[in-house]
Amino acid sequence: MKTQHYTVPCALLLIALCLFIRYSIGRRRFNRRGVAGLQQFSSYHHFITVTTIEKIILIAGNLCGLAGLFLLAVAGINHLKF
């Protein structure tokens, strides 16, 4: 099967993308923290906008990670099966 050769690199790419997204958003959240340890925003509107966008991107990143793990599992099963 020709598609098997692309399964593992695509899976690793999806997992790397997941880790990069989680790292980037975590870093942004860390840099927004003040002395008291709370995230600081300039306005309530900015808070709602940024946190909503970050949540959507985090969900997409987590889905990429799950898809990558699923592809690795499928590749492993196909490798053992044939």
PDB file of N, CA and C in Angstrom:
ATOM      1  N   MET A   1       0.837  -1.162   0.000  1.00  0.00           N
ATOM      2  CA  MET A   1       0.000   0.000   0.000  1.00  0.00           C
ATOM      3  C   MET A   1       0.893   1.241   0.000  1.00  0.00           C
ATOM      4  N   LYS A   2       0.690   2.124  -0.956  1.00  0.00           N
ATOM      5  CA  LYS A   2       1.557   3.285  -1.101  1.00  0.00           C
ATOM      6  C   LYS A   2       1.314   4.354  -0.033  1.00  0.00           C
ATOM      7  N   THR A   3       0.116   4.425   0.493  1.00  0.00           N
ATOM      8  CA  THR A   3      -0.177   5.475   1.470  1.00  0.00           C
ATOM      9  C   THR A   3       0.491   5.219   2.816  1.00  0.00           C
ATOM     10  N   GLN A   4       0.933   3.997   3.053  1.00  0.00           N
ATOM     11  CA  GLN A   4       1.552   3.669   4.334  1.00  0.00           C
ATOM     12  C   GLN A   4       2.863   4.430   4.532  1.00  0.00           C
ATOM     13  N   HIS A   5       3.552   4.754   3.447  1.00  0.00           N
ATOM     14  CA  HIS A   5       4.823   5.457   3.561  1.00  0.00           C
ATOM     15  C   HIS A   5       4.639   6.891   4.056  1.00  0.00           C
ATOM     16  N   TYR A   6       3.466   7.463   3.834  1.00  0.00           N
ATOM     17  CA  TYR A   6       3.213   8.839   4.245  1.00  0.00           C
ATOM     18  C   TYR A   6       2.503   8.944   5.592  1.00  0.00           C
ATOM     19  N   THR A   7       2.075   7.836   6.135  1.00  0.00           N
ATOM     20  CA  THR A   7       1.290   7.865   7.365  1.00  0.00           C
ATOM     21  C   THR A   7       2.124   8.317   8.559  1.00  0.00           C
ATOM     22  N   VAL A   8       3.273   7.733   8.743  1.00  0.00           N
ATOM     23  CA  VAL A   8       4.097   8.054   9.916  1.00  0.00           C
ATOM     24  C   VAL A   8       4.626   9.493   9.864  1.00  0.00           C
ATOM     25  N   PRO A   9       5.161   9.974   8.728  1.00  0.00           N
ATOM     26  CA  PRO A   9       5.602  11.378   8.720  1.00  0.00           C
ATOM     27  C   PRO A   9       4.457  12.370   8.947  1.00  0.00           C
ATOM     28  N   CYS A  10       3.289  12.079   8.382  1.00  0.00           N
ATOM     29  CA  CYS A  10       2.133  12.958   8.613  1.00  0.00           C
ATOM     30  C   CYS A  10       1.727  12.937  10.080  1.00  0.00           C
ATOM     31  N   ALA A  11       1.764  11.765  10.693  1.00  0.00           N
ATOM     32  CA  ALA A  11       1.413  11.651  12.108  1.00  0.00           C
ATOM     33  C   ALA A  11       2.399  12.436  12.969  1.00  0.00           C
ATOM     34  N   LEU A  12       3.678  12.304  12.679  1.00  0.00           N
ATOM     35  CA  LEU A  12       4.684  13.035  13.454  1.00  0.00           C
ATOM     36  C   LEU A  12       4.564  14.542  13.244  1.00  0.00           C
ATOM     37  N   LEU A  13       4.216  14.943  12.025  1.00  0.00           N
ATOM     38  CA  LEU A  13       4.014  16.362  11.744  1.00  0.00           C
ATOM     39  C   LEU A  13       2.816  16.906  12.523  1.00  0.00           C
ATOM     40  N   LEU A  14       1.738  16.144  12.593  1.00  0.00           N
ATOM     41  CA  LEU A  14       0.562  16.573  13.353  1.00  0.00           C
ATOM     42  C   LEU A  14       0.870  16.670  14.847  1.00  0.00           C
ATOM     43  N   ILE A  15       1.624  15.726  15.363  1.00  0.00           N
ATOM     44  CA  ILE A  15       1.993  15.766  16.783  1.00  0.00           C
ATOM     45  C   ILE A  15       2.911  16.955  17.061  1.00  0.00           C
ATOM     46  N   ALA A  16       3.860  17.213  16.152  1.00  0.00           N
ATOM     47  CA  ALA A  16       4.747  18.367  16.318  1.00  0.00           C
ATOM     48  C   ALA A  16       3.956  19.672  16.257  1.00  0.00           C
ATOM     49  N   LEU A  17       2.965  19.737  15.368  1.00  0.00           N
ATOM     50  CA  LEU A  17       2.116  20.921  15.280  1.00  0.00           C
ATOM     51  C   LEU A  17       1.332  21.124  16.570  1.00  0.00           C
ATOM     52  N   CYS A  18       0.828  20.047  17.129  1.00  0.00           N
ATOM     53  CA  CYS A  18       0.109  20.115  18.407  1.00  0.00           C
ATOM     54  C   CYS A  18       1.015  20.661  19.505  1.00  0.00           C
ATOM     55  N   LEU A  19       2.211  20.132  19.602  1.00  0.00           N
ATOM     56  CA  LEU A  19       3.137  20.581  20.644  1.00  0.00           C
ATOM     57  C   LEU A  19       3.537  22.040  20.453  1.00  0.00           C
ATOM     58  N   PHE A  20       3.729  22.453  19.199  1.00  0.00           N
ATOM     59  CA  PHE A  20       4.088  23.843  18.915  1.00  0.00           C
ATOM     60  C   PHE A  20       2.959  24.797  19.307  1.00  0.00           C
ATOM     61  N   ILE A  21       1.724  24.428  18.978  1.00  0.00           N
ATOM     62  CA  ILE A  21       0.579  25.272  19.323  1.00  0.00           C
ATOM     63  C   ILE A  21       0.444  25.386  20.835  1.00  0.00           C
ATOM     64  N   ARG A  22       0.556  24.266  21.541  1.00  0.00           N
ATOM     65  CA  ARG A  22       0.424  24.289  22.997  1.00  0.00           C
ATOM     66  C   ARG A  22       1.552  25.116  23.630  1.00  0.00           C
ATOM     67  N   TYR A  23       2.768  24.989  23.100  1.00  0.00           N
ATOM     68  CA  TYR A  23       3.893  25.765  23.622  1.00  0.00           C
ATOM     69  C   TYR A  23       3.686  27.260  23.372  1.00  0.00           C
ATOM     70  N   SER A  24       3.268  27.617  22.163  1.00  0.00           N
ATOM     71  CA  SER A  24       3.097  29.028  21.817  1.00  0.00           C
ATOM     72  C   SER A  24       2.035  29.701  22.680  1.00  0.00           C
ATOM     73  N   ILE A  25       0.907  29.049  22.845  1.00  0.00           N
ATOM     74  CA  ILE A  25      -0.163  29.644  23.643  1.00  0.00           C
ATOM     75  C   ILE A  25       0.229  29.681  25.118  1.00  0.00           C
ATOM     76  N   GLY A  26       0.882  28.648  25.599  1.00  0.00           N
ATOM     77  CA  GLY A  26       1.349  28.656  26.984  1.00  0.00           C
ATOM     78  C   GLY A  26       2.356  29.759  27.239  1.00  0.00           C
ATOM     79  N   ARG A  27       3.218  29.997  26.271  1.00  0.00           N
ATOM     80  CA  ARG A  27       4.217  31.061  26.401  1.00  0.00           C
ATOM     81  C   ARG A  27       3.550  32.432  26.412  1.00  0.00           C
ATOM     82  N   ARG A  28       2.554  32.610  25.528  1.00  0.00           N
ATOM     83  CA  ARG A  28       1.823  33.884  25.513  1.00  0.00           C
ATOM     84  C   ARG A  28       1.110  34.112  26.839  1.00  0.00           C
ATOM     85  N   ARG A  29       0.508  33.065  27.379  1.00  0.00           N
ATOM     86  CA  ARG A  29      -0.187  33.194  28.665  1.00  0.00           C
ATOM     87  C   ARG A  29       0.794  33.509  29.790  1.00  0.00           C
ATOM     88  N   PHE A  30       1.958  32.879  29.748  1.00  0.00           N
ATOM     89  CA  PHE A  30       2.967  33.129  30.778  1.00  0.00           C
ATOM     90  C   PHE A  30       3.452  34.574  30.714  1.00  0.00           C
ATOM     91  N   ASN A  31       3.676  35.083  29.505  1.00  0.00           N
ATOM     92  CA  ASN A  31       4.172  36.452  29.357  1.00  0.00           C
ATOM     93  C   ASN A  31       3.126  37.500  29.725  1.00  0.00           C
ATOM     94  N   ARG A  32       1.853  37.139  29.751  1.00  0.00           N
ATOM     95  CA  ARG A  32       0.800  38.071  30.151  1.00  0.00           C
ATOM     96  C   ARG A  32       0.640  38.153  31.661  1.00  0.00           C
ATOM     97  N   ARG A  33       1.277  37.293  32.392  1.00  0.00           N
ATOM     98  CA  ARG A  33       1.090  37.257  33.846  1.00  0.00           C
ATOM     99  C   ARG A  33       1.844  38.403  34.516  1.00  0.00           C
ATOM    100  N   GLY A  34       1.208  38.937  35.538  1.00  0.00           N
ATOM    101  CA  GLY A  34       1.799  40.031  36.301  1.00  0.00           C
ATOM    102  C   GLY A  34       2.468  39.510  37.562  1.00  0.00           C
ATOM    103  N   VAL A  35       2.716  40.420  38.492  1.00  0.00           N
ATOM    104  CA  VAL A  35       3.395  40.091  39.740  1.00  0.00           C
ATOM    105  C   VAL A  35       2.558  39.129  40.579  1.00  0.00           C
ATOM    106  N   ALA A  36       1.250  39.304  40.577  1.00  0.00           N
ATOM    107  CA  ALA A  36       0.364  38.472  41.386  1.00  0.00           C
ATOM    108  C   ALA A  36       0.097  37.105  40.753  1.00  0.00           C
ATOM    109  N   GLY A  37       0.540  36.896  39.528  1.00  0.00           N
ATOM    110  CA  GLY A  37       0.338  35.615  38.868  1.00  0.00           C
ATOM    111  C   GLY A  37      -0.927  35.533  38.043  1.00  0.00           C
ATOM    112  N   LEU A  38      -1.651  36.650  37.919  1.00  0.00           N
ATOM    113  CA  LEU A  38      -2.869  36.672  37.121  1.00  0.00           C
ATOM    114  C   LEU A  38      -2.580  37.254  35.746  1.00  0.00           C
ATOM    115  N   GLN A  39      -3.341  36.797  34.752  1.00  0.00           N
ATOM    116  CA  GLN A  39      -3.180  37.345  33.414  1.00  0.00           C
ATOM    117  C   GLN A  39      -3.753  38.755  33.387  1.00  0.00           C
ATOM    118  N   GLN A  40      -3.043  39.652  32.727  1.00  0.00           N
ATOM    119  CA  GLN A  40      -3.465  41.047  32.682  1.00  0.00           C
ATOM    120  C   GLN A  40      -3.831  41.428  31.253  1.00  0.00           C
ATOM    121  N   PHE A  41      -5.002  42.034  31.107  1.00  0.00           N
ATOM    122  CA  PHE A  41      -5.490  42.491  29.813  1.00  0.00           C
ATOM    123  C   PHE A  41      -5.808  43.973  29.903  1.00  0.00           C
ATOM    124  N   SER A  42      -5.775  44.640  28.755  1.00  0.00           N
ATOM    125  CA  SER A  42      -6.050  46.078  28.744  1.00  0.00           C
ATOM    126  C   SER A  42      -7.536  46.386  28.892  1.00  0.00           C
ATOM    127  N   SER A  43      -8.398  45.473  28.440  1.00  0.00           N
ATOM    128  CA  SER A  43      -9.839  45.690  28.570  1.00  0.00           C
ATOM    129  C   SER A  43     -10.557  44.344  28.626  1.00  0.00           C
ATOM    130  N   TYR A  44     -11.814  44.400  29.026  1.00  0.00           N
ATOM    131  CA  TYR A  44     -12.621  43.181  29.101  1.00  0.00           C
ATOM    132  C   TYR A  44     -12.850  42.614  27.704  1.00  0.00           C
ATOM    133  N   HIS A  45     -13.065  43.479  26.728  1.00  0.00           N
ATOM    134  CA  HIS A  45     -13.266  43.035  25.345  1.00  0.00           C
ATOM    135  C   HIS A  45     -12.028  42.299  24.832  1.00  0.00           C
ATOM    136  N   HIS A  46     -10.872  42.833  25.129  1.00  0.00           N
ATOM    137  CA  HIS A  46      -9.618  42.195  24.720  1.00  0.00           C
ATOM    138  C   HIS A  46      -9.470  40.828  25.399  1.00  0.00           C
ATOM    139  N   PHE A  47      -9.853  40.741  26.660  1.00  0.00           N
ATOM    140  CA  PHE A  47      -9.797  39.480  27.402  1.00  0.00           C
ATOM    141  C   PHE A  47     -10.681  38.420  26.748  1.00  0.00           C
ATOM    142  N   ILE A  48     -11.929  38.777  26.453  1.00  0.00           N
ATOM    143  CA  ILE A  48     -12.866  37.824  25.851  1.00  0.00           C
ATOM    144  C   ILE A  48     -12.376  37.384  24.477  1.00  0.00           C
ATOM    145  N   THR A  49     -11.922  38.318  23.672  1.00  0.00           N
ATOM    146  CA  THR A  49     -11.465  38.000  22.317  1.00  0.00           C
ATOM    147  C   THR A  49     -10.256  37.077  22.344  1.00  0.00           C
ATOM    148  N   VAL A  50      -9.258  37.435  23.116  1.00  0.00           N
ATOM    149  CA  VAL A  50      -8.011  36.663  23.142  1.00  0.00           C
ATOM    150  C   VAL A  50      -8.232  35.266  23.710  1.00  0.00           C
ATOM    151  N   THR A  51      -8.952  35.164  24.809  1.00  0.00           N
ATOM    152  CA  THR A  51      -9.146  33.843  25.413  1.00  0.00           C
ATOM    153  C   THR A  51     -10.002  32.941  24.534  1.00  0.00           C
ATOM    154  N   THR A  52     -10.993  33.508  23.843  1.00  0.00           N
ATOM    155  CA  THR A  52     -11.820  32.701  22.940  1.00  0.00           C
ATOM    156  C   THR A  52     -10.996  32.183  21.770  1.00  0.00           C
ATOM    157  N   ILE A  53     -10.205  33.047  21.167  1.00  0.00           N
ATOM    158  CA  ILE A  53      -9.364  32.628  20.040  1.00  0.00           C
ATOM    159  C   ILE A  53      -8.344  31.594  20.500  1.00  0.00           C
ATOM    160  N   GLU A  54      -7.752  31.804  21.671  1.00  0.00           N
ATOM    161  CA  GLU A  54      -6.780  30.835  22.184  1.00  0.00           C
ATOM    162  C   GLU A  54      -7.426  29.480  22.455  1.00  0.00           C
ATOM    163  N   LYS A  55      -8.640  29.475  22.988  1.00  0.00           N
ATOM    164  CA  LYS A  55      -9.327  28.209  23.239  1.00  0.00           C
ATOM    165  C   LYS A  55      -9.612  27.470  21.940  1.00  0.00           C
ATOM    166  N   ILE A  56     -10.046  28.203  20.910  1.00  0.00           N
ATOM    167  CA  ILE A  56     -10.332  27.576  19.618  1.00  0.00           C
ATOM    168  C   ILE A  56      -9.059  26.993  19.020  1.00  0.00           C
ATOM    169  N   ILE A  57      -7.970  27.737  19.088  1.00  0.00           N
ATOM    170  CA  ILE A  57      -6.700  27.250  18.539  1.00  0.00           C
ATOM    171  C   ILE A  57      -6.187  26.059  19.343  1.00  0.00           C
ATOM    172  N   LEU A  58      -6.359  26.091  20.671  1.00  0.00           N
ATOM    173  CA  LEU A  58      -5.944  24.953  21.498  1.00  0.00           C
ATOM    174  C   LEU A  58      -6.751  23.698  21.176  1.00  0.00           C
ATOM    175  N   ILE A  59      -8.041  23.857  20.939  1.00  0.00           N
ATOM    176  CA  ILE A  59      -8.868  22.708  20.563  1.00  0.00           C
ATOM    177  C   ILE A  59      -8.397  22.143  19.233  1.00  0.00           C
ATOM    178  N   ALA A  60      -8.100  23.023  18.270  1.00  0.00           N
ATOM    179  CA  ALA A  60      -7.592  22.561  16.979  1.00  0.00           C
ATOM    180  C   ALA A  60      -6.248  21.853  17.148  1.00  0.00           C
ATOM    181  N   GLY A  61      -5.386  22.394  17.996  1.00  0.00           N
ATOM    182  CA  GLY A  61      -4.097  21.756  18.254  1.00  0.00           C
ATOM    183  C   GLY A  61      -4.243  20.395  18.903  1.00  0.00           C
ATOM    184  N   ASN A  62      -5.155  20.294  19.862  1.00  0.00           N
ATOM    185  CA  ASN A  62      -5.392  19.003  20.508  1.00  0.00           C
ATOM    186  C   ASN A  62      -5.957  17.986  19.525  1.00  0.00           C
ATOM    187  N   LEU A  63      -6.829  18.438  18.627  1.00  0.00           N
ATOM    188  CA  LEU A  63      -7.357  17.535  17.602  1.00  0.00           C
ATOM    189  C   LEU A  63      -6.248  17.066  16.661  1.00  0.00           C
ATOM    190  N   CYS A  64      -5.306  17.959  16.357  1.00  0.00           N
ATOM    191  CA  CYS A  64      -4.152  17.558  15.539  1.00  0.00           C
ATOM    192  C   CYS A  64      -3.338  16.490  16.259  1.00  0.00           C
ATOM    193  N   GLY A  65      -3.134  16.669  17.550  1.00  0.00           N
ATOM    194  CA  GLY A  65      -2.389  15.680  18.325  1.00  0.00           C
ATOM    195  C   GLY A  65      -3.095  14.338  18.365  1.00  0.00           C
ATOM    196  N   LEU A  66      -4.404  14.353  18.568  1.00  0.00           N
ATOM    197  CA  LEU A  66      -5.163  13.101  18.579  1.00  0.00           C
ATOM    198  C   LEU A  66      -5.153  12.432  17.211  1.00  0.00           C
ATOM    199  N   ALA A  67      -5.258  13.232  16.153  1.00  0.00           N
ATOM    200  CA  ALA A  67      -5.200  12.671  14.802  1.00  0.00           C
ATOM    201  C   ALA A  67      -3.826  12.054  14.539  1.00  0.00           C
ATOM    202  N   GLY A  68      -2.770  12.709  15.011  1.00  0.00           N
ATOM    203  CA  GLY A  68      -1.430  12.158  14.852  1.00  0.00           C
ATOM    204  C   GLY A  68      -1.257  10.850  15.593  1.00  0.00           C
ATOM    205  N   LEU A  69      -1.769  10.786  16.820  1.00  0.00           N
ATOM    206  CA  LEU A  69      -1.698   9.529  17.575  1.00  0.00           C
ATOM    207  C   LEU A  69      -2.511   8.431  16.903  1.00  0.00           C
ATOM    208  N   PHE A  70      -3.669   8.792  16.365  1.00  0.00           N
ATOM    209  CA  PHE A  70      -4.497   7.819  15.652  1.00  0.00           C
ATOM    210  C   PHE A  70      -3.772   7.294  14.414  1.00  0.00           C
ATOM    211  N   LEU A  71      -3.126   8.197  13.667  1.00  0.00           N
ATOM    212  CA  LEU A  71      -2.386   7.758  12.480  1.00  0.00           C
ATOM    213  C   LEU A  71      -1.217   6.852  12.854  1.00  0.00           C
ATOM    214  N   LEU A  72      -0.535   7.164  13.952  1.00  0.00           N
ATOM    215  CA  LEU A  72       0.547   6.286  14.399  1.00  0.00           C
ATOM    216  C   LEU A  72       0.014   4.918  14.801  1.00  0.00           C
ATOM    217  N   ALA A  73      -1.140   4.890  15.449  1.00  0.00           N
ATOM    218  CA  ALA A  73      -1.743   3.613  15.836  1.00  0.00           C
ATOM    219  C   ALA A  73      -2.137   2.810  14.603  1.00  0.00           C
ATOM    220  N   VAL A  74      -2.718   3.471  13.623  1.00  0.00           N
ATOM    221  CA  VAL A  74      -3.106   2.786  12.382  1.00  0.00           C
ATOM    222  C   VAL A  74      -1.875   2.253  11.664  1.00  0.00           C
ATOM    223  N   ALA A  75      -0.811   3.046  11.623  1.00  0.00           N
ATOM    224  CA  ALA A  75       0.418   2.592  10.972  1.00  0.00           C
ATOM    225  C   ALA A  75       1.005   1.399  11.713  1.00  0.00           C
ATOM    226  N   GLY A  76       0.952   1.416  13.043  1.00  0.00           N
ATOM    227  CA  GLY A  76       1.456   0.286  13.823  1.00  0.00           C
ATOM    228  C   GLY A  76       0.638  -0.962  13.608  1.00  0.00           C
ATOM    229  N   ILE A  77      -0.685  -0.815  13.561  1.00  0.00           N
ATOM    230  CA  ILE A  77      -1.547  -1.974  13.322  1.00  0.00           C
ATOM    231  C   ILE A  77      -1.315  -2.532  11.930  1.00  0.00           C
ATOM    232  N   ASN A  78      -1.190  -1.648  10.938  1.00  0.00           N
ATOM    233  CA  ASN A  78      -0.932  -2.117   9.570  1.00  0.00           C
ATOM    234  C   ASN A  78       0.422  -2.795   9.459  1.00  0.00           C
ATOM    235  N   HIS A  79       1.390  -2.292  10.218  1.00  0.00           N
ATOM    236  CA  HIS A  79       2.724  -2.896  10.173  1.00  0.00           C
ATOM    237  C   HIS A  79       2.700  -4.297  10.782  1.00  0.00           C
ATOM    238  N   LEU A  80       1.959  -4.471  11.860  1.00  0.00           N
ATOM    239  CA  LEU A  80       1.876  -5.783  12.501  1.00  0.00           C
ATOM    240  C   LEU A  80       1.010  -6.748  11.708  1.00  0.00           C
ATOM    241  N   LYS A  81       0.013  -6.220  11.036  1.00  0.00           N
ATOM    242  CA  LYS A  81      -0.938  -7.054  10.321  1.00  0.00           C
ATOM    243  C   LYS A  81      -0.323  -7.668   9.063  1.00  0.00           C
ATOM    244  N   PHE A  82       0.473  -6.888   8.340  1.00  0.00           N
ATOM    245  CA  PHE A  82       0.978  -7.372   7.051  1.00  0.00           C
ATOM    246  C   PHE A  82       2.440  -7.683   7.129  1.00  0.00           C
TER     247      PHE A  82
END
